[in-house]
C-alpha atoms as a PDB file:
ATOM      1  CA  MET A   1     110.785 -82.163  38.466  1.00  0.00           C
ATOM      2  CA  ASN A   2     111.250 -80.247  35.230  1.00  0.00           C
ATOM      3  CA  LEU A   3     109.033 -81.816  32.544  1.00  0.00           C
ATOM      4  CA  PHE A   4     111.879 -81.525  30.047  1.00  0.00           C
ATOM      5  CA  TYR A   5     113.563 -84.357  31.964  1.00  0.00           C
ATOM      6  CA  LEU A   6     110.601 -86.678  31.433  1.00  0.00           C
ATOM      7  CA  PRO A   7     111.552 -88.116  27.980  1.00  0.00           C
ATOM      8  CA  ALA A   8     115.077 -88.914  29.163  1.00  0.00           C
ATOM      9  CA  VAL A   9     113.770 -90.479  32.385  1.00  0.00           C
ATOM     10  CA  LEU A  10     111.259 -92.592  30.463  1.00  0.00           C
ATOM     11  CA  LEU A  11     113.902 -93.783  28.021  1.00  0.00           C
ATOM     12  CA  PHE A  12     116.208 -94.663  30.924  1.00  0.00           C
ATOM     13  CA  LEU A  13     113.431 -96.604  32.662  1.00  0.00           C
ATOM     14  CA  VAL A  14     112.414 -98.490  29.519  1.00  0.00           C
ATOM     15  CA  PHE A  15     115.858 -99.311  28.107  1.00  0.00           C
ATOM     16  CA  VAL A  16     117.986 -99.597  31.265  1.00  0.00           C
ATOM     17  CA  ILE A  17     116.010-100.147  34.451  1.00  0.00           C
ATOM     18  CA  TYR A  18     113.332-102.482  33.047  1.00  0.00           C
ATOM     19  CA  PRO A  19     115.819-104.787  31.217  1.00  0.00           C
ATOM     20  CA  PHE A  20     117.996-104.861  34.344  1.00  0.00           C
ATOM     21  CA  ILE A  21     115.060-105.916  36.539  1.00  0.00           C
ATOM     22  CA  GLN A  22     113.882-108.434  33.926  1.00  0.00           C
ATOM     23  CA  GLY A  23     117.397-109.870  33.655  1.00  0.00           C
ATOM     24  CA  GLY A  24     117.625-110.156  37.435  1.00  0.00           C
ATOM     25  CA  PHE A  25     114.327-112.051  37.478  1.00  0.00           C
ATOM     26  CA  LEU A  26     115.369-114.400  34.667  1.00  0.00           C
ATOM     27  CA  SER A  27     118.646-115.148  36.481  1.00  0.00           C
ATOM     28  CA  LEU A  28     116.533-116.817  39.177  1.00  0.00           C
ATOM     29  CA  THR A  29     114.882-119.184  36.669  1.00  0.00           C
ATOM     30  CA  ASN A  30     115.839-122.112  34.452  1.00  0.00           C
ATOM     31  CA  TRP A  31     114.391-120.502  31.295  1.00  0.00           C
ATOM     32  CA  ASN A  32     115.935-121.873  28.104  1.00  0.00           C
ATOM     33  CA  GLY A  33     115.429-118.685  26.080  1.00  0.00           C
ATOM     34  CA  TYR A  34     112.445-119.649  23.938  1.00  0.00           C
ATOM     35  CA  SER A  35     110.045-121.864  25.882  1.00  0.00           C
ATOM     36  CA  GLN A  36     106.842-120.413  27.334  1.00  0.00           C
ATOM     37  CA  SER A  37     107.396-122.301  30.567  1.00  0.00           C
ATOM     38  CA  TYR A  38     110.106-122.074  33.192  1.00  0.00           C
ATOM     39  CA  LYS A  39     110.431-122.460  36.924  1.00  0.00           C
ATOM     40  CA  MET A  40     112.159-120.573  39.679  1.00  0.00           C
ATOM     41  CA  VAL A  41     115.469-122.055  40.838  1.00  0.00           C
ATOM     42  CA  GLY A  42     116.424-119.382  43.360  1.00  0.00           C
ATOM     43  CA  LEU A  43     120.155-118.709  43.621  1.00  0.00           C
ATOM     44  CA  LYS A  44     121.125-121.945  41.906  1.00  0.00           C
ATOM     45  CA  ASN A  45     122.493-120.115  38.846  1.00  0.00           C
ATOM     46  CA  TYR A  46     124.677-117.901  41.045  1.00  0.00           C
ATOM     47  CA  VAL A  47     126.016-120.870  43.015  1.00  0.00           C
ATOM     48  CA  ARG A  48     126.901-122.514  39.713  1.00  0.00           C
ATOM     49  CA  LEU A  49     128.435-119.269  38.426  1.00  0.00           C
ATOM     50  CA  PHE A  50     130.885-118.987  41.322  1.00  0.00           C
ATOM     51  CA  THR A  51     131.978-122.609  40.928  1.00  0.00           C
ATOM     52  CA  ASP A  52     132.211-122.635  37.126  1.00  0.00           C
ATOM     53  CA  GLY A  53     135.788-122.705  35.866  1.00  0.00           C
ATOM     54  CA  ASN A  54     134.779-121.250  32.509  1.00  0.00           C
ATOM     55  CA  VAL A  55     133.306-118.220  34.255  1.00  0.00           C
ATOM     56  CA  GLY A  56     136.533-117.834  36.233  1.00  0.00           C
ATOM     57  CA  THR A  57     138.557-117.859  33.007  1.00  0.00           C
ATOM     58  CA  ALA A  58     136.213-115.350  31.381  1.00  0.00           C
ATOM     59  CA  PHE A  59     136.347-113.137  34.478  1.00  0.00           C
ATOM     60  CA  LEU A  60     140.162-113.066  34.404  1.00  0.00           C
ATOM     61  CA  ASN A  61     140.192-112.436  30.651  1.00  0.00           C
ATOM     62  CA  THR A  62     137.710-109.587  31.089  1.00  0.00           C
ATOM     63  CA  LEU A  63     140.053-107.887  33.557  1.00  0.00           C
ATOM     64  CA  ILE A  64     142.969-108.364  31.136  1.00  0.00           C
ATOM     65  CA  TYR A  65     140.975-106.941  28.226  1.00  0.00           C
ATOM     66  CA  GLY A  66     139.849-104.013  30.363  1.00  0.00           C
ATOM     67  CA  PHE A  67     143.011-103.002  32.189  1.00  0.00           C
ATOM     68  CA  GLY A  68     145.433-104.149  29.487  1.00  0.00           C
ATOM     69  CA  SER A  69     143.672-102.196  26.756  1.00  0.00           C
ATOM     70  CA  THR A  70     143.349 -99.162  29.011  1.00  0.00           C
ATOM     71  CA  LEU A  71     147.052 -99.132  29.844  1.00  0.00           C
ATOM     72  CA  LEU A  72     148.121 -99.430  26.212  1.00  0.00           C
ATOM     73  CA  GLN A  73     145.550 -96.933  24.926  1.00  0.00           C
ATOM     74  CA  ASN A  74     146.458 -94.269  27.455  1.00  0.00           C
ATOM     75  CA  VAL A  75     150.243 -94.606  27.205  1.00  0.00           C
ATOM     76  CA  LEU A  76     150.152 -94.582  23.396  1.00  0.00           C
ATOM     77  CA  GLY A  77     147.368 -91.978  23.283  1.00  0.00           C
ATOM     78  CA  LEU A  78     149.282 -89.589  25.535  1.00  0.00           C
ATOM     79  CA  ALA A  79     152.525 -90.114  23.591  1.00  0.00           C
ATOM     80  CA  LEU A  80     150.749 -89.440  20.289  1.00  0.00           C
ATOM     81  CA  ALA A  81     148.971 -86.396  21.716  1.00  0.00           C
ATOM     82  CA  LEU A  82     152.255 -84.903  22.969  1.00  0.00           C
ATOM     83  CA  PHE A  83     153.823 -85.484  19.557  1.00  0.00           C
ATOM     84  CA  LEU A  84     150.864 -84.202  17.530  1.00  0.00           C
ATOM     85  CA  ASN A  85     150.401 -81.174  19.762  1.00  0.00           C
ATOM     86  CA  GLY A  86     153.510 -79.711  18.198  1.00  0.00           C
ATOM     87  CA  LYS A  87     153.508 -77.612  15.066  1.00  0.00           C
ATOM     88  CA  PHE A  88     154.715 -79.378  11.934  1.00  0.00           C
ATOM     89  CA  ARG A  89     153.464 -79.974   8.418  1.00  0.00           C
ATOM     90  CA  GLY A  90     151.045 -82.867   8.007  1.00  0.00           C
ATOM     91  CA  ARG A  91     149.970 -83.150  11.638  1.00  0.00           C
ATOM     92  CA  SER A  92     146.265 -82.808  10.739  1.00  0.00           C
ATOM     93  CA  VAL A  93     146.540 -85.655   8.250  1.00  0.00           C
ATOM     94  CA  LEU A  94     148.365 -87.797  10.795  1.00  0.00           C
ATOM     95  CA  ARG A  95     145.704 -87.120  13.433  1.00  0.00           C
ATOM     96  CA  THR A  96     143.027 -88.197  10.974  1.00  0.00           C
ATOM     97  CA  VAL A  97     144.865 -91.385  10.037  1.00  0.00           C
ATOM     98  CA  ILE A  98     145.312 -92.394  13.692  1.00  0.00           C
ATOM     99  CA  TYR A  99     141.663 -91.701  14.472  1.00  0.00           C
ATOM    100  CA  LEU A 100     140.238 -93.488  11.400  1.00  0.00           C
ATOM    101  CA  PRO A 101     140.192 -97.025  12.940  1.00  0.00           C
ATOM    102  CA  VAL A 102     137.803 -95.734  15.623  1.00  0.00           C
ATOM    103  CA  MET A 103     135.220 -95.204  12.881  1.00  0.00           C
ATOM    104  CA  ILE A 104     135.393 -98.866  11.800  1.00  0.00           C
ATOM    105  CA  ALA A 105     132.928-101.226  13.483  1.00  0.00           C
ATOM    106  CA  PRO A 106     134.814-103.479  15.945  1.00  0.00           C
ATOM    107  CA  LEU A 107     133.367-106.586  14.274  1.00  0.00           C
ATOM    108  CA  ILE A 108     134.761-105.472  10.902  1.00  0.00           C
ATOM    109  CA  MET A 109     138.112-104.705  12.510  1.00  0.00           C
ATOM    110  CA  GLY A 110     138.086-108.202  13.994  1.00  0.00           C
ATOM    111  CA  TYR A 111     137.526-109.762  10.575  1.00  0.00           C
ATOM    112  CA  VAL A 112     140.298-107.613   9.086  1.00  0.00           C
ATOM    113  CA  MET A 113     142.651-108.794  11.835  1.00  0.00           C
ATOM    114  CA  TYR A 114     141.567-112.377  11.190  1.00  0.00           C
ATOM    115  CA  PHE A 115     143.233-112.210   7.777  1.00  0.00           C
ATOM    116  CA  PHE A 116     146.401-110.992   9.480  1.00  0.00           C
ATOM    117  CA  PHE A 117     146.561-113.736  12.123  1.00  0.00           C
ATOM    118  CA  SER A 118     144.990-116.621  10.204  1.00  0.00           C
ATOM    119  CA  TYR A 119     147.134-119.767  10.169  1.00  0.00           C
ATOM    120  CA  ASN A 120     146.599-120.505   6.465  1.00  0.00           C
ATOM    121  CA  ARG A 121     147.429-117.615   4.157  1.00  0.00           C
ATOM    122  CA  GLY A 122     147.412-115.090   6.979  1.00  0.00           C
ATOM    123  CA  ALA A 123     149.487-111.995   6.259  1.00  0.00           C
ATOM    124  CA  ILE A 124     151.768-112.437   9.263  1.00  0.00           C
ATOM    125  CA  ASN A 125     152.473-116.107   8.519  1.00  0.00           C
ATOM    126  CA  ASP A 126     153.155-115.235   4.874  1.00  0.00           C
ATOM    127  CA  ILE A 127     155.767-112.742   6.052  1.00  0.00           C
ATOM    128  CA  VAL A 128     157.232-115.314   8.455  1.00  0.00           C
ATOM    129  CA  LEU A 129     157.499-117.873   5.638  1.00  0.00           C
ATOM    130  CA  ALA A 130     159.078-115.308   3.322  1.00  0.00           C
ATOM    131  CA  LEU A 131     161.737-114.667   5.972  1.00  0.00           C
ATOM    132  CA  GLY A 132     162.459-118.388   6.259  1.00  0.00           C
ATOM    133  CA  GLY A 133     160.551-119.038   9.476  1.00  0.00           C
ATOM    134  CA  GLN A 134     157.768-121.479  10.348  1.00  0.00           C
ATOM    135  CA  MET A 135     154.061-120.683  10.458  1.00  0.00           C
ATOM    136  CA  VAL A 136     152.498-120.062  13.854  1.00  0.00           C
ATOM    137  CA  ASP A 137     148.911-120.798  14.806  1.00  0.00           C
ATOM    138  CA  TRP A 138     148.500-117.478  16.604  1.00  0.00           C
ATOM    139  CA  MET A 139     145.063-118.193  18.059  1.00  0.00           C
ATOM    140  CA  ALA A 140     145.741-121.779  19.165  1.00  0.00           C
ATOM    141  CA  SER A 141     146.934-120.630  22.594  1.00  0.00           C
ATOM    142  CA  GLY A 142     144.389-118.992  24.906  1.00  0.00           C
ATOM    143  CA  PRO A 143     146.802-116.602  26.670  1.00  0.00           C
ATOM    144  CA  ARG A 144     148.380-115.568  23.350  1.00  0.00           C
ATOM    145  CA  ALA A 145     144.956-114.999  21.787  1.00  0.00           C
ATOM    146  CA  VAL A 146     143.927-112.867  24.762  1.00  0.00           C
ATOM    147  CA  ALA A 147     147.122-110.794  24.466  1.00  0.00           C
ATOM    148  CA  ILE A 148     146.665-110.308  20.712  1.00  0.00           C
ATOM    149  CA  MET A 149     143.044-109.196  21.049  1.00  0.00           C
ATOM    150  CA  THR A 150     143.963-106.824  23.869  1.00  0.00           C
ATOM    151  CA  VAL A 151     146.550-105.172  21.598  1.00  0.00           C
ATOM    152  CA  VAL A 152     144.149-105.080  18.621  1.00  0.00           C
ATOM    153  CA  ASN A 153     141.451-103.420  20.721  1.00  0.00           C
ATOM    154  CA  ALA A 154     143.941-100.907  22.120  1.00  0.00           C
ATOM    155  CA  LEU A 155     145.317 -99.982  18.701  1.00  0.00           C
ATOM    156  CA  GLN A 156     141.859 -99.552  17.192  1.00  0.00           C
ATOM    157  CA  PHE A 157     140.700 -97.121  19.875  1.00  0.00           C
ATOM    158  CA  VAL A 158     143.949 -95.346  20.706  1.00  0.00           C
ATOM    159  CA  GLY A 159     142.596 -92.441  18.647  1.00  0.00           C
ATOM    160  CA  VAL A 160     139.945 -91.797  21.303  1.00  0.00           C
ATOM    161  CA  SER A 161     142.598 -91.312  23.981  1.00  0.00           C
ATOM    162  CA  MET A 162     144.684 -89.201  21.619  1.00  0.00           C
ATOM    163  CA  VAL A 163     141.790 -86.803  20.949  1.00  0.00           C
ATOM    164  CA  ILE A 164     140.951 -86.488  24.655  1.00  0.00           C
ATOM    165  CA  TYR A 165     144.575 -85.746  25.549  1.00  0.00           C
ATOM    166  CA  LEU A 166     144.968 -83.309  22.666  1.00  0.00           C
ATOM    167  CA  ALA A 167     141.970 -81.363  23.951  1.00  0.00           C
ATOM    168  CA  GLY A 168     143.473 -81.358  27.447  1.00  0.00           C
ATOM    169  CA  LEU A 169     146.906 -80.245  26.251  1.00  0.00           C
ATOM    170  CA  GLN A 170     145.476 -77.360  24.260  1.00  0.00           C
ATOM    171  CA  ASN A 171     143.715 -76.080  27.377  1.00  0.00           C
ATOM    172  CA  ILE A 172     146.968 -75.797  29.364  1.00  0.00           C
ATOM    173  CA  PRO A 173     148.212 -72.161  29.311  1.00  0.00           C
ATOM    174  CA  GLN A 174     151.611 -71.828  27.628  1.00  0.00           C
ATOM    175  CA  MET A 175     152.795 -69.366  30.287  1.00  0.00           C
ATOM    176  CA  TYR A 176     153.411 -72.282  32.660  1.00  0.00           C
ATOM    177  CA  TYR A 177     155.886 -73.848  30.244  1.00  0.00           C
ATOM    178  CA  GLU A 178     157.501 -70.497  29.497  1.00  0.00           C
ATOM    179  CA  ALA A 179     158.016 -69.809  33.196  1.00  0.00           C
ATOM    180  CA  ALA A 180     159.411 -73.324  33.721  1.00  0.00           C
ATOM    181  CA  ALA A 181     161.822 -72.913  30.793  1.00  0.00           C
ATOM    182  CA  MET A 182     163.052 -69.598  32.207  1.00  0.00           C
ATOM    183  CA  ASP A 183     163.789 -71.367  35.497  1.00  0.00           C
ATOM    184  CA  GLY A 184     165.785 -74.008  33.679  1.00  0.00           C
ATOM    185  CA  ILE A 185     163.300 -76.838  34.190  1.00  0.00           C
ATOM    186  CA  GLY A 186     163.731 -79.606  31.623  1.00  0.00           C
ATOM    187  CA  LYS A 187     161.083 -81.241  29.436  1.00  0.00           C
ATOM    188  CA  ALA A 188     160.797 -84.352  31.629  1.00  0.00           C
ATOM    189  CA  ALA A 189     160.203 -82.271  34.755  1.00  0.00           C
ATOM    190  CA  GLN A 190     157.667 -80.114  32.893  1.00  0.00           C
ATOM    191  CA  LEU A 191     155.789 -83.262  31.870  1.00  0.00           C
ATOM    192  CA  ARG A 192     155.764 -84.561  35.448  1.00  0.00           C
ATOM    193  CA  TYR A 193     154.970 -81.400  37.366  1.00  0.00           C
ATOM    194  CA  ILE A 194     152.951 -79.336  34.860  1.00  0.00           C
ATOM    195  CA  THR A 195     151.465 -81.454  32.091  1.00  0.00           C
ATOM    196  CA  LEU A 196     150.293 -84.542  33.981  1.00  0.00           C
ATOM    197  CA  PRO A 197     148.692 -82.707  36.953  1.00  0.00           C
ATOM    198  CA  LEU A 198     146.825 -80.337  34.628  1.00  0.00           C
ATOM    199  CA  LEU A 199     145.789 -83.250  32.422  1.00  0.00           C
ATOM    200  CA  MET A 200     144.127 -85.101  35.298  1.00  0.00           C
ATOM    201  CA  PRO A 201     140.534 -84.391  34.101  1.00  0.00           C
ATOM    202  CA  ALA A 202     141.478 -85.661  30.624  1.00  0.00           C
ATOM    203  CA  ILE A 203     143.223 -88.706  32.119  1.00  0.00           C
ATOM    204  CA  GLN A 204     140.108 -89.508  34.126  1.00  0.00           C
ATOM    205  CA  SER A 205     137.881 -89.292  31.055  1.00  0.00           C
ATOM    206  CA  ALA A 206     140.214 -91.355  28.876  1.00  0.00           C
ATOM    207  CA  VAL A 207     140.788 -94.066  31.487  1.00  0.00           C
ATOM    208  CA  VAL A 208     137.095 -94.505  32.314  1.00  0.00           C
ATOM    209  CA  VAL A 209     136.021 -94.602  28.645  1.00  0.00           C
ATOM    210  CA  ASN A 210     138.783 -97.052  27.705  1.00  0.00           C
ATOM    211  CA  LEU A 211     138.236 -99.226  30.758  1.00  0.00           C
ATOM    212  CA  ILE A 212     134.506 -99.644  30.200  1.00  0.00           C
ATOM    213  CA  GLY A 213     135.109-100.399  26.517  1.00  0.00           C
ATOM    214  CA  GLY A 214     137.700-103.058  27.355  1.00  0.00           C
ATOM    215  CA  LEU A 215     135.643-104.699  30.108  1.00  0.00           C
ATOM    216  CA  LYS A 216     132.698-105.223  27.746  1.00  0.00           C
ATOM    217  CA  LEU A 217     134.827-106.366  24.785  1.00  0.00           C
ATOM    218  CA  PHE A 218     132.741-108.568  22.487  1.00  0.00           C
ATOM    219  CA  ASP A 219     132.999-107.988  18.730  1.00  0.00           C
ATOM    220  CA  ILE A 220     136.719-108.534  18.232  1.00  0.00           C
ATOM    221  CA  ILE A 221     136.628-111.748  20.276  1.00  0.00           C
ATOM    222  CA  MET A 222     133.727-113.139  18.254  1.00  0.00           C
ATOM    223  CA  ALA A 223     135.455-112.288  14.973  1.00  0.00           C
ATOM    224  CA  LEU A 224     138.875-113.706  15.848  1.00  0.00           C
ATOM    225  CA  THR A 225     138.299-116.721  18.132  1.00  0.00           C
ATOM    226  CA  SER A 226     134.620-116.917  19.186  1.00  0.00           C
ATOM    227  CA  GLY A 227     136.053-117.417  22.662  1.00  0.00           C
ATOM    228  CA  GLY A 228     138.282-120.352  21.703  1.00  0.00           C
ATOM    229  CA  PRO A 229     140.218-122.472  21.839  1.00  0.00           C
ATOM    230  CA  GLY A 230     137.541-123.995  24.032  1.00  0.00           C
ATOM    231  CA  TYR A 231     136.620-121.277  26.511  1.00  0.00           C
ATOM    232  CA  ALA A 232     140.165-119.923  26.838  1.00  0.00           C
ATOM    233  CA  SER A 233     139.652-116.435  25.355  1.00  0.00           C
ATOM    234  CA  HIS A 234     136.063-115.710  26.364  1.00  0.00           C
ATOM    235  CA  SER A 235     135.158-112.473  28.101  1.00  0.00           C
ATOM    236  CA  LEU A 236     132.085-112.319  30.300  1.00  0.00           C
ATOM    237  CA  SER A 237     130.210-110.638  27.433  1.00  0.00           C
ATOM    238  CA  THR A 238     130.974-113.399  24.930  1.00  0.00           C
ATOM    239  CA  LEU A 239     130.322-116.069  27.541  1.00  0.00           C
ATOM    240  CA  VAL A 240     126.796-114.684  27.982  1.00  0.00           C
ATOM    241  CA  HIS A 241     126.298-115.091  24.220  1.00  0.00           C
ATOM    242  CA  ARG A 242     127.755-118.614  24.223  1.00  0.00           C
ATOM    243  CA  THR A 243     125.666-119.679  27.205  1.00  0.00           C
ATOM    244  CA  TYR A 244     122.425-118.261  25.825  1.00  0.00           C
ATOM    245  CA  PHE A 245     122.699-119.445  22.225  1.00  0.00           C
ATOM    246  CA  GLY A 246     125.067-122.386  22.605  1.00  0.00           C
ATOM    247  CA  SER A 247     123.659-124.014  25.735  1.00  0.00           C
ATOM    248  CA  GLU A 248     120.126-122.611  25.581  1.00  0.00           C
ATOM    249  CA  ASN A 249     120.347-121.602  29.215  1.00  0.00           C
ATOM    250  CA  ALA A 250     118.991-118.062  29.355  1.00  0.00           C
ATOM    251  CA  GLY A 251     118.649-118.097  33.137  1.00  0.00           C
ATOM    252  CA  TYR A 252     122.337-118.858  33.660  1.00  0.00           C
ATOM    253  CA  ALA A 253     123.312-116.395  30.915  1.00  0.00           C
ATOM    254  CA  SER A 254     121.286-113.703  32.709  1.00  0.00           C
ATOM    255  CA  ALA A 255     123.167-114.393  35.934  1.00  0.00           C
ATOM    256  CA  ILE A 256     126.515-114.026  34.145  1.00  0.00           C
ATOM    257  CA  GLY A 257     125.325-110.849  32.442  1.00  0.00           C
ATOM    258  CA  LEU A 258     124.187-109.342  35.743  1.00  0.00           C
ATOM    259  CA  VAL A 259     127.542-110.082  37.358  1.00  0.00           C
ATOM    260  CA  SER A 260     129.312-108.552  34.341  1.00  0.00           C
ATOM    261  CA  PHE A 261     127.202-105.405  34.649  1.00  0.00           C
ATOM    262  CA  LEU A 262     127.938-105.095  38.377  1.00  0.00           C
ATOM    263  CA  LEU A 263     131.657-105.658  37.763  1.00  0.00           C
ATOM    264  CA  ILE A 264     131.840-102.853  35.200  1.00  0.00           C
ATOM    265  CA  MET A 265     129.759-100.534  37.394  1.00  0.00           C
ATOM    266  CA  VAL A 266     131.876-101.130  40.514  1.00  0.00           C
ATOM    267  CA  ILE A 267     135.221-100.792  38.702  1.00  0.00           C
ATOM    268  CA  GLY A 268     134.038 -97.698  36.811  1.00  0.00           C
ATOM    269  CA  THR A 269     132.828 -96.057  40.027  1.00  0.00           C
ATOM    270  CA  LEU A 270     136.028 -96.835  41.947  1.00  0.00           C
ATOM    271  CA  VAL A 271     138.267 -95.568  39.146  1.00  0.00           C
ATOM    272  CA  THR A 272     136.215 -92.378  38.784  1.00  0.00           C
ATOM    273  CA  ARG A 273     136.416 -91.691  42.527  1.00  0.00           C
ATOM    274  CA  TYR A 274     140.163 -92.354  42.548  1.00  0.00           C
ATOM    275  CA  PHE A 275     140.888 -89.863  39.780  1.00  0.00           C
ATOM    276  CA  THR A 276     138.472 -87.303  41.234  1.00  0.00           C
ATOM    277  CA  LYS A 277     140.378 -87.515  44.510  1.00  0.00           C
ATOM    278  CA  LYS A 278     143.729 -87.164  42.710  1.00  0.00           C
ATOM    279  CA  GLU A 279     142.428 -84.135  40.841  1.00  0.00           C
ATOM    280  CA  VAL A 280     141.401 -82.474  44.097  1.00  0.00           C
ATOM    281  CA  GLU A 281     144.750 -83.277  45.734  1.00  0.00           C
ATOM    282  CA  MET A 282     146.659 -81.730  42.853  1.00  0.00           C
END
């Protein structure tokens, strides 16, 4: 093995493999997170995990955050990239403005959004009152809170998809579009038969990045609802936090965290293989 690989391998072992093994070990114990003593409980935490309704809710929410955010980010990102790939005055400024939210920490973005959706003196409710309507407690309903946070996450990181698609579009030779135009092929057909097939590597990158980001969503949830009302808007990531610090059950939290890691790894691998196969077919 080339010795230049050694620092990277050591870092991977120390910060990825070792914590994963340690977490797997702790998931088999009843450790409370701070005590010096604990005992092995075998698969008890995993049996509890698969019968825990709160975990089921968090699992479903995690899929919604992941796939919902990915769908919105990629549809909007591609639309913005197609628009901003054209030549017009101010496009550089517009690209910068759309990308700026990506540079804001998700926790800060969550707190900013809190002042939009807050029941008392929230910006949206102030607008509703000004228009003669009645205030709405936007985060009082679990499904509505999940939908709002999915949209917030998608809008914050749509700039990532836009940049990826812009790079892909600029690598497509213009001669394909010129030849299609000479043959009388319309814009919609060009998008379907030229743009999308040649964008497949960019689509793969954008989808995988967005999907992983959505599946491990944490900061925005903690800022807006802390997983409430009750456990209705928790993701698996926030449920690990709640279980560890709220219930002082580090062993059970480790089991949830391990399942979350495996879920993201399996979904990420399957999606990557799917798009790799589509790229080869095209």
